[in-house]
Amino acid sequence: DVVRPRAPGPGVYTYWDYTQLRFPKRQGMRI
């Protein structure tokens, strides 16, 4: 996994559901 070492978490995601304002709330997933 060549991305995680250069973009460490927590709070670093690639996907945020359209519902319930997930993106502005920073409620995402790294998938």
PDB file of all heavy atoms in Angstrom:
ATOM      1  N   ASP A   1       0.870  -1.174   0.000  1.00  0.00           N
ATOM      2  CA  ASP A   1       0.000   0.000   0.000  1.00  0.00           C
ATOM      3  C   ASP A   1       0.908   1.225   0.000  1.00  0.00           C
ATOM      4  O   ASP A   1       1.504   1.573   1.019  1.00  0.00           O
ATOM      5  CB  ASP A   1      -0.888  -0.021   1.252  1.00  0.00           C
ATOM      6  CG  ASP A   1      -1.846   1.160   1.332  1.00  0.00           C
ATOM      7  OD1 ASP A   1      -1.666   2.143   0.583  1.00  0.00           O
ATOM      8  OD2 ASP A   1      -2.770   1.105   2.167  1.00  0.00           O
ATOM      9  N   VAL A   2       1.020   1.877  -1.147  1.00  0.00           N
ATOM     10  CA  VAL A   2       1.996   2.965  -1.281  1.00  0.00           C
ATOM     11  C   VAL A   2       1.415   4.331  -0.916  1.00  0.00           C
ATOM     12  O   VAL A   2       2.148   5.332  -0.900  1.00  0.00           O
ATOM     13  CB  VAL A   2       2.570   3.015  -2.714  1.00  0.00           C
ATOM     14  CG1 VAL A   2       3.318   1.722  -3.028  1.00  0.00           C
ATOM     15  CG2 VAL A   2       1.474   3.266  -3.747  1.00  0.00           C
ATOM     16  N   VAL A   3       0.128   4.375  -0.609  1.00  0.00           N
ATOM     17  CA  VAL A   3      -0.502   5.663  -0.279  1.00  0.00           C
ATOM     18  C   VAL A   3      -0.508   5.918   1.224  1.00  0.00           C
ATOM     19  O   VAL A   3      -0.184   7.022   1.679  1.00  0.00           O
ATOM     20  CB  VAL A   3      -1.940   5.730  -0.833  1.00  0.00           C
ATOM     21  CG1 VAL A   3      -2.599   7.056  -0.453  1.00  0.00           C
ATOM     22  CG2 VAL A   3      -1.932   5.566  -2.349  1.00  0.00           C
ATOM     23  N   ARG A   4      -0.896   4.924   2.020  1.00  0.00           N
ATOM     24  CA  ARG A   4      -1.022   5.125   3.461  1.00  0.00           C
ATOM     25  C   ARG A   4       0.229   5.713   4.115  1.00  0.00           C
ATOM     26  O   ARG A   4       0.118   6.650   4.925  1.00  0.00           O
ATOM     27  CB  ARG A   4      -1.419   3.811   4.133  1.00  0.00           C
ATOM     28  CG  ARG A   4      -1.406   3.845   5.657  1.00  0.00           C
ATOM     29  CD  ARG A   4      -2.206   5.012   6.210  1.00  0.00           C
ATOM     30  NE  ARG A   4      -3.626   4.735   6.254  1.00  0.00           N
ATOM     31  CZ  ARG A   4      -4.545   5.674   6.459  1.00  0.00           C
ATOM     32  NH1 ARG A   4      -4.187   6.931   6.596  1.00  0.00           N
ATOM     33  NH2 ARG A   4      -5.823   5.361   6.513  1.00  0.00           N
ATOM     34  N   PRO A   5       1.461   5.260   3.784  1.00  0.00           N
ATOM     35  CA  PRO A   5       2.636   5.865   4.425  1.00  0.00           C
ATOM     36  C   PRO A   5       2.798   7.351   4.110  1.00  0.00           C
ATOM     37  O   PRO A   5       3.409   8.088   4.891  1.00  0.00           O
ATOM     38  CB  PRO A   5       3.808   5.049   3.851  1.00  0.00           C
ATOM     39  CG  PRO A   5       3.199   3.754   3.429  1.00  0.00           C
ATOM     40  CD  PRO A   5       1.843   4.118   2.927  1.00  0.00           C
ATOM     41  N   ARG A   6       2.242   7.792   2.986  1.00  0.00           N
ATOM     42  CA  ARG A   6       2.392   9.187   2.576  1.00  0.00           C
ATOM     43  C   ARG A   6       1.146  10.019   2.853  1.00  0.00           C
ATOM     44  O   ARG A   6       1.153  11.232   2.665  1.00  0.00           O
ATOM     45  CB  ARG A   6       2.741   9.227   1.082  1.00  0.00           C
ATOM     46  CG  ARG A   6       4.065   8.544   0.771  1.00  0.00           C
ATOM     47  CD  ARG A   6       4.260   8.316  -0.712  1.00  0.00           C
ATOM     48  NE  ARG A   6       5.582   7.748  -0.992  1.00  0.00           N
ATOM     49  CZ  ARG A   6       5.865   6.450  -0.941  1.00  0.00           C
ATOM     50  NH1 ARG A   6       4.912   5.591  -0.627  1.00  0.00           N
ATOM     51  NH2 ARG A   6       7.090   6.018  -1.200  1.00  0.00           N
ATOM     52  N   ALA A   7       0.078   9.357   3.256  1.00  0.00           N
ATOM     53  CA  ALA A   7      -1.166  10.055   3.616  1.00  0.00           C
ATOM     54  C   ALA A   7      -1.734   9.378   4.859  1.00  0.00           C
ATOM     55  O   ALA A   7      -2.781   8.736   4.815  1.00  0.00           O
ATOM     56  CB  ALA A   7      -2.166  10.011   2.459  1.00  0.00           C
ATOM     57  N   PRO A   8      -1.033   9.499   5.988  1.00  0.00           N
ATOM     58  CA  PRO A   8      -1.424   8.767   7.200  1.00  0.00           C
ATOM     59  C   PRO A   8      -2.708   9.294   7.831  1.00  0.00           C
ATOM     60  O   PRO A   8      -3.039  10.469   7.708  1.00  0.00           O
ATOM     61  CB  PRO A   8      -0.229   8.966   8.130  1.00  0.00           C
ATOM     62  CG  PRO A   8       0.370  10.272   7.694  1.00  0.00           C
ATOM     63  CD  PRO A   8       0.178  10.311   6.205  1.00  0.00           C
ATOM     64  N   GLY A   9      -3.411   8.384   8.519  1.00  0.00           N
ATOM     65  CA  GLY A   9      -4.612   8.755   9.251  1.00  0.00           C
ATOM     66  C   GLY A   9      -4.267   9.110  10.679  1.00  0.00           C
ATOM     67  O   GLY A   9      -3.084   9.254  11.014  1.00  0.00           O
ATOM     68  N   PRO A  10      -5.257   9.279  11.519  1.00  0.00           N
ATOM     69  CA  PRO A  10      -6.682   9.102  11.224  1.00  0.00           C
ATOM     70  C   PRO A  10      -7.289  10.322  10.521  1.00  0.00           C
ATOM     71  O   PRO A  10      -6.633  11.365  10.402  1.00  0.00           O
ATOM     72  CB  PRO A  10      -7.294   8.900  12.616  1.00  0.00           C
ATOM     73  CG  PRO A  10      -6.400   9.696  13.512  1.00  0.00           C
ATOM     74  CD  PRO A  10      -5.011   9.527  12.955  1.00  0.00           C
ATOM     75  N   GLY A  11      -8.512  10.187  10.090  1.00  0.00           N
ATOM     76  CA  GLY A  11      -9.234  11.298   9.473  1.00  0.00           C
ATOM     77  C   GLY A  11      -8.924  11.516   8.008  1.00  0.00           C
ATOM     78  O   GLY A  11      -9.348  12.511   7.431  1.00  0.00           O
ATOM     79  N   VAL A  12      -8.179  10.580   7.395  1.00  0.00           N
ATOM     80  CA  VAL A  12      -7.839  10.703   5.977  1.00  0.00           C
ATOM     81  C   VAL A  12      -8.645   9.668   5.206  1.00  0.00           C
ATOM     82  O   VAL A  12      -8.446   8.464   5.382  1.00  0.00           O
ATOM     83  CB  VAL A  12      -6.328  10.485   5.750  1.00  0.00           C
ATOM     84  CG1 VAL A  12      -6.002  10.513   4.269  1.00  0.00           C
ATOM     85  CG2 VAL A  12      -5.533  11.551   6.490  1.00  0.00           C
ATOM     86  N   TYR A  13      -9.550  10.131   4.362  1.00  0.00           N
ATOM     87  CA  TYR A  13     -10.493   9.246   3.695  1.00  0.00           C
ATOM     88  C   TYR A  13     -10.512   9.478   2.188  1.00  0.00           C
ATOM     89  O   TYR A  13      -9.964  10.472   1.685  1.00  0.00           O
ATOM     90  CB  TYR A  13     -11.902   9.445   4.259  1.00  0.00           C
ATOM     91  CG  TYR A  13     -11.971   9.389   5.768  1.00  0.00           C
ATOM     92  CD1 TYR A  13     -12.472  10.463   6.511  1.00  0.00           C
ATOM     93  CD2 TYR A  13     -11.517   8.267   6.465  1.00  0.00           C
ATOM     94  CE1 TYR A  13     -12.532  10.410   7.906  1.00  0.00           C
ATOM     95  CE2 TYR A  13     -11.560   8.210   7.851  1.00  0.00           C
ATOM     96  CZ  TYR A  13     -12.068   9.291   8.567  1.00  0.00           C
ATOM     97  OH  TYR A  13     -12.113   9.241   9.935  1.00  0.00           O
ATOM     98  N   THR A  14     -11.171   8.557   1.479  1.00  0.00           N
ATOM     99  CA  THR A  14     -11.321   8.694   0.025  1.00  0.00           C
ATOM    100  C   THR A  14     -12.786   8.722  -0.398  1.00  0.00           C
ATOM    101  O   THR A  14     -13.090   8.989  -1.549  1.00  0.00           O
ATOM    102  CB  THR A  14     -10.642   7.515  -0.707  1.00  0.00           C
ATOM    103  OG1 THR A  14     -11.324   6.288  -0.376  1.00  0.00           O
ATOM    104  CG2 THR A  14      -9.168   7.402  -0.309  1.00  0.00           C
ATOM    105  N   TYR A  15     -13.694   8.417   0.548  1.00  0.00           N
ATOM    106  CA  TYR A  15     -15.117   8.312   0.230  1.00  0.00           C
ATOM    107  C   TYR A  15     -15.954   8.902   1.356  1.00  0.00           C
ATOM    108  O   TYR A  15     -15.668   8.677   2.540  1.00  0.00           O
ATOM    109  CB  TYR A  15     -15.501   6.840   0.031  1.00  0.00           C
ATOM    110  CG  TYR A  15     -16.987   6.569   0.055  1.00  0.00           C
ATOM    111  CD1 TYR A  15     -17.773   6.755  -1.077  1.00  0.00           C
ATOM    112  CD2 TYR A  15     -17.611   6.135   1.232  1.00  0.00           C
ATOM    113  CE1 TYR A  15     -19.148   6.518  -1.041  1.00  0.00           C
ATOM    114  CE2 TYR A  15     -18.978   5.888   1.273  1.00  0.00           C
ATOM    115  CZ  TYR A  15     -19.736   6.085   0.130  1.00  0.00           C
ATOM    116  OH  TYR A  15     -21.084   5.863   0.167  1.00  0.00           O
ATOM    117  N   TRP A  16     -16.982   9.667   0.966  1.00  0.00           N
ATOM    118  CA  TRP A  16     -17.924  10.249   1.904  1.00  0.00           C
ATOM    119  C   TRP A  16     -19.317  10.097   1.304  1.00  0.00           C
ATOM    120  O   TRP A  16     -19.589  10.594   0.206  1.00  0.00           O
ATOM    121  CB  TRP A  16     -17.640  11.726   2.145  1.00  0.00           C
ATOM    122  CG  TRP A  16     -16.275  12.027   2.658  1.00  0.00           C
ATOM    123  CD1 TRP A  16     -15.917  12.299   3.948  1.00  0.00           C
ATOM    124  CD2 TRP A  16     -15.050  12.126   1.895  1.00  0.00           C
ATOM    125  NE1 TRP A  16     -14.566  12.547   4.040  1.00  0.00           N
ATOM    126  CE2 TRP A  16     -14.008  12.442   2.795  1.00  0.00           C
ATOM    127  CE3 TRP A  16     -14.742  11.952   0.542  1.00  0.00           C
ATOM    128  CZ2 TRP A  16     -12.689  12.606   2.387  1.00  0.00           C
ATOM    129  CZ3 TRP A  16     -13.431  12.110   0.130  1.00  0.00           C
ATOM    130  CH2 TRP A  16     -12.419  12.434   1.046  1.00  0.00           C
ATOM    131  N   ASP A  17     -20.220   9.431   1.993  1.00  0.00           N
ATOM    132  CA  ASP A  17     -21.567   9.226   1.500  1.00  0.00           C
ATOM    133  C   ASP A  17     -22.252  10.563   1.249  1.00  0.00           C
ATOM    134  O   ASP A  17     -22.001  11.552   1.949  1.00  0.00           O
ATOM    135  CB  ASP A  17     -22.362   8.404   2.521  1.00  0.00           C
ATOM    136  CG  ASP A  17     -23.653   7.864   1.940  1.00  0.00           C
ATOM    137  OD1 ASP A  17     -24.632   8.627   1.888  1.00  0.00           O
ATOM    138  OD2 ASP A  17     -23.680   6.689   1.530  1.00  0.00           O
ATOM    139  N   TYR A  18     -23.135  10.594   0.251  1.00  0.00           N
ATOM    140  CA  TYR A  18     -23.865  11.818  -0.056  1.00  0.00           C
ATOM    141  C   TYR A  18     -24.833  12.211   1.055  1.00  0.00           C
ATOM    142  O   TYR A  18     -25.189  13.378   1.197  1.00  0.00           O
ATOM    143  CB  TYR A  18     -24.672  11.640  -1.352  1.00  0.00           C
ATOM    144  CG  TYR A  18     -23.845  11.637  -2.624  1.00  0.00           C
ATOM    145  CD1 TYR A  18     -23.980  10.603  -3.544  1.00  0.00           C
ATOM    146  CD2 TYR A  18     -22.959  12.668  -2.923  1.00  0.00           C
ATOM    147  CE1 TYR A  18     -23.262  10.593  -4.731  1.00  0.00           C
ATOM    148  CE2 TYR A  18     -22.229  12.658  -4.098  1.00  0.00           C
ATOM    149  CZ  TYR A  18     -22.384  11.624  -5.000  1.00  0.00           C
ATOM    150  OH  TYR A  18     -21.661  11.612  -6.169  1.00  0.00           O
ATOM    151  N   THR A  19     -25.294  11.236   1.833  1.00  0.00           N
ATOM    152  CA  THR A  19     -26.349  11.504   2.809  1.00  0.00           C
ATOM    153  C   THR A  19     -25.797  12.043   4.129  1.00  0.00           C
ATOM    154  O   THR A  19     -24.613  11.884   4.443  1.00  0.00           O
ATOM    155  CB  THR A  19     -27.150  10.227   3.101  1.00  0.00           C
ATOM    156  OG1 THR A  19     -26.280   9.261   3.734  1.00  0.00           O
ATOM    157  CG2 THR A  19     -27.713   9.622   1.823  1.00  0.00           C
ATOM    158  N   GLN A  20     -26.664  12.688   4.893  1.00  0.00           N
ATOM    159  CA  GLN A  20     -26.393  13.130   6.257  1.00  0.00           C
ATOM    160  C   GLN A  20     -25.158  14.027   6.385  1.00  0.00           C
ATOM    161  O   GLN A  20     -24.483  14.030   7.408  1.00  0.00           O
ATOM    162  CB  GLN A  20     -26.254  11.917   7.188  1.00  0.00           C
ATOM    163  CG  GLN A  20     -27.484  11.024   7.197  1.00  0.00           C
ATOM    164  CD  GLN A  20     -27.353   9.872   8.156  1.00  0.00           C
ATOM    165  OE1 GLN A  20     -27.049  10.071   9.329  1.00  0.00           O
ATOM    166  NE2 GLN A  20     -27.566   8.645   7.663  1.00  0.00           N
ATOM    167  N   LEU A  21     -24.872  14.779   5.323  1.00  0.00           N
ATOM    168  CA  LEU A  21     -23.759  15.737   5.355  1.00  0.00           C
ATOM    169  C   LEU A  21     -22.441  15.085   5.779  1.00  0.00           C
ATOM    170  O   LEU A  21     -21.643  15.659   6.509  1.00  0.00           O
ATOM    171  CB  LEU A  21     -24.092  16.904   6.292  1.00  0.00           C
ATOM    172  CG  LEU A  21     -25.322  17.741   5.918  1.00  0.00           C
ATOM    173  CD1 LEU A  21     -25.604  18.777   6.999  1.00  0.00           C
ATOM    174  CD2 LEU A  21     -25.121  18.426   4.573  1.00  0.00           C
ATOM    175  N   ARG A  22     -22.216  13.864   5.309  1.00  0.00           N
ATOM    176  CA  ARG A  22     -21.017  13.139   5.718  1.00  0.00           C
ATOM    177  C   ARG A  22     -19.727  13.877   5.359  1.00  0.00           C
ATOM    178  O   ARG A  22     -18.760  13.869   6.134  1.00  0.00           O
ATOM    179  CB  ARG A  22     -20.999  11.752   5.070  1.00  0.00           C
ATOM    180  CG  ARG A  22     -22.097  10.805   5.515  1.00  0.00           C
ATOM    181  CD  ARG A  22     -22.006  10.460   6.982  1.00  0.00           C
ATOM    182  NE  ARG A  22     -22.913   9.378   7.331  1.00  0.00           N
ATOM    183  CZ  ARG A  22     -23.366   9.159   8.561  1.00  0.00           C
ATOM    184  NH1 ARG A  22     -22.984   9.961   9.544  1.00  0.00           N
ATOM    185  NH2 ARG A  22     -24.180   8.149   8.804  1.00  0.00           N
ATOM    186  N   PHE A  23     -19.703  14.529   4.182  1.00  0.00           N
ATOM    187  CA  PHE A  23     -18.456  15.181   3.778  1.00  0.00           C
ATOM    188  C   PHE A  23     -18.112  16.378   4.659  1.00  0.00           C
ATOM    189  O   PHE A  23     -17.002  16.440   5.214  1.00  0.00           O
ATOM    190  CB  PHE A  23     -18.511  15.586   2.307  1.00  0.00           C
ATOM    191  CG  PHE A  23     -17.229  16.207   1.815  1.00  0.00           C
ATOM    192  CD1 PHE A  23     -16.076  15.456   1.698  1.00  0.00           C
ATOM    193  CD2 PHE A  23     -17.177  17.560   1.490  1.00  0.00           C
ATOM    194  CE1 PHE A  23     -14.884  16.032   1.256  1.00  0.00           C
ATOM    195  CE2 PHE A  23     -15.996  18.136   1.052  1.00  0.00           C
ATOM    196  CZ  PHE A  23     -14.843  17.372   0.935  1.00  0.00           C
ATOM    197  N   PRO A  24     -18.997  17.369   4.820  1.00  0.00           N
ATOM    198  CA  PRO A  24     -18.631  18.497   5.690  1.00  0.00           C
ATOM    199  C   PRO A  24     -18.391  18.090   7.141  1.00  0.00           C
ATOM    200  O   PRO A  24     -17.646  18.769   7.870  1.00  0.00           O
ATOM    201  CB  PRO A  24     -19.825  19.446   5.562  1.00  0.00           C
ATOM    202  CG  PRO A  24     -20.925  18.650   4.985  1.00  0.00           C
ATOM    203  CD  PRO A  24     -20.288  17.587   4.158  1.00  0.00           C
ATOM    204  N   LYS A  25     -18.998  16.990   7.549  1.00  0.00           N
ATOM    205  CA  LYS A  25     -18.773  16.496   8.911  1.00  0.00           C
ATOM    206  C   LYS A  25     -17.491  15.664   9.020  1.00  0.00           C
ATOM    207  O   LYS A  25     -17.151  15.192  10.104  1.00  0.00           O
ATOM    208  CB  LYS A  25     -19.964  15.640   9.362  1.00  0.00           C
ATOM    209  CG  LYS A  25     -21.258  16.416   9.577  1.00  0.00           C
ATOM    210  CD  LYS A  25     -22.377  15.470   9.999  1.00  0.00           C
ATOM    211  CE  LYS A  25     -23.689  16.197  10.215  1.00  0.00           C
ATOM    212  NZ  LYS A  25     -24.785  15.261  10.560  1.00  0.00           N
ATOM    213  N   ARG A  26     -16.821  15.455   7.891  1.00  0.00           N
ATOM    214  CA  ARG A  26     -15.587  14.658   7.842  1.00  0.00           C
ATOM    215  C   ARG A  26     -15.825  13.217   8.287  1.00  0.00           C
ATOM    216  O   ARG A  26     -14.981  12.598   8.946  1.00  0.00           O
ATOM    217  CB  ARG A  26     -14.474  15.310   8.669  1.00  0.00           C
ATOM    218  CG  ARG A  26     -14.048  16.661   8.118  1.00  0.00           C
ATOM    219  CD  ARG A  26     -12.928  17.289   8.911  1.00  0.00           C
ATOM    220  NE  ARG A  26     -12.470  18.526   8.294  1.00  0.00           N
ATOM    221  CZ  ARG A  26     -11.513  18.617   7.377  1.00  0.00           C
ATOM    222  NH1 ARG A  26     -10.895  17.509   6.971  1.00  0.00           N
ATOM    223  NH2 ARG A  26     -11.160  19.778   6.857  1.00  0.00           N
ATOM    224  N   GLN A  27     -16.972  12.687   7.918  1.00  0.00           N
ATOM    225  CA  GLN A  27     -17.332  11.321   8.277  1.00  0.00           C
ATOM    226  C   GLN A  27     -17.195  10.432   7.049  1.00  0.00           C
ATOM    227  O   GLN A  27     -18.143  10.163   6.330  1.00  0.00           O
ATOM    228  CB  GLN A  27     -18.757  11.289   8.828  1.00  0.00           C
ATOM    229  CG  GLN A  27     -18.914  12.082  10.108  1.00  0.00           C
ATOM    230  CD  GLN A  27     -20.347  12.164  10.590  1.00  0.00           C
ATOM    231  OE1 GLN A  27     -21.286  11.858   9.852  1.00  0.00           O
ATOM    232  NE2 GLN A  27     -20.533  12.594  11.828  1.00  0.00           N
ATOM    233  N   GLY A  28     -15.959   9.975   6.812  1.00  0.00           N
ATOM    234  CA  GLY A  28     -15.674   9.235   5.591  1.00  0.00           C
ATOM    235  C   GLY A  28     -15.058   7.878   5.830  1.00  0.00           C
ATOM    236  O   GLY A  28     -14.998   7.369   6.955  1.00  0.00           O
ATOM    237  N   MET A  29     -14.591   7.281   4.733  1.00  0.00           N
ATOM    238  CA  MET A  29     -13.929   5.982   4.757  1.00  0.00           C
ATOM    239  C   MET A  29     -12.759   6.004   3.768  1.00  0.00           C
ATOM    240  O   MET A  29     -12.836   6.676   2.738  1.00  0.00           O
ATOM    241  CB  MET A  29     -14.892   4.865   4.345  1.00  0.00           C
ATOM    242  CG  MET A  29     -16.200   4.812   5.096  1.00  0.00           C
ATOM    243  SD  MET A  29     -17.336   3.569   4.394  1.00  0.00           S
ATOM    244  CE  MET A  29     -16.504   2.059   4.852  1.00  0.00           C
ATOM    245  N   ARG A  30     -11.722   5.271   4.070  1.00  0.00           N
ATOM    246  CA  ARG A  30     -10.623   5.088   3.111  1.00  0.00           C
ATOM    247  C   ARG A  30     -10.792   3.717   2.495  1.00  0.00           C
ATOM    248  O   ARG A  30     -10.403   2.704   3.063  1.00  0.00           O
ATOM    249  CB  ARG A  30      -9.265   5.208   3.808  1.00  0.00           C
ATOM    250  CG  ARG A  30      -8.081   5.176   2.817  1.00  0.00           C
ATOM    251  CD  ARG A  30      -6.754   5.276   3.528  1.00  0.00           C
ATOM    252  NE  ARG A  30      -6.345   4.014   4.112  1.00  0.00           N
ATOM    253  CZ  ARG A  30      -5.429   3.179   3.601  1.00  0.00           C
ATOM    254  NH1 ARG A  30      -4.820   3.471   2.463  1.00  0.00           N
ATOM    255  NH2 ARG A  30      -5.111   2.063   4.226  1.00  0.00           N
ATOM    256  N   ILE A  31     -11.389   3.690   1.297  1.00  0.00           N
ATOM    257  CA  ILE A  31     -11.669   2.413   0.634  1.00  0.00           C
ATOM    258  C   ILE A  31     -11.089   2.336  -0.780  1.00  0.00           C
ATOM    259  O   ILE A  31     -11.238   1.322  -1.450  1.00  0.00           O
ATOM    260  CB  ILE A  31     -13.186   2.127   0.591  1.00  0.00           C
ATOM    261  CG1 ILE A  31     -13.942   3.238  -0.130  1.00  0.00           C
ATOM    262  CG2 ILE A  31     -13.726   1.923   2.007  1.00  0.00           C
ATOM    263  CD1 ILE A  31     -15.440   2.953  -0.301  1.00  0.00           C
TER     264      ILE A  31
END
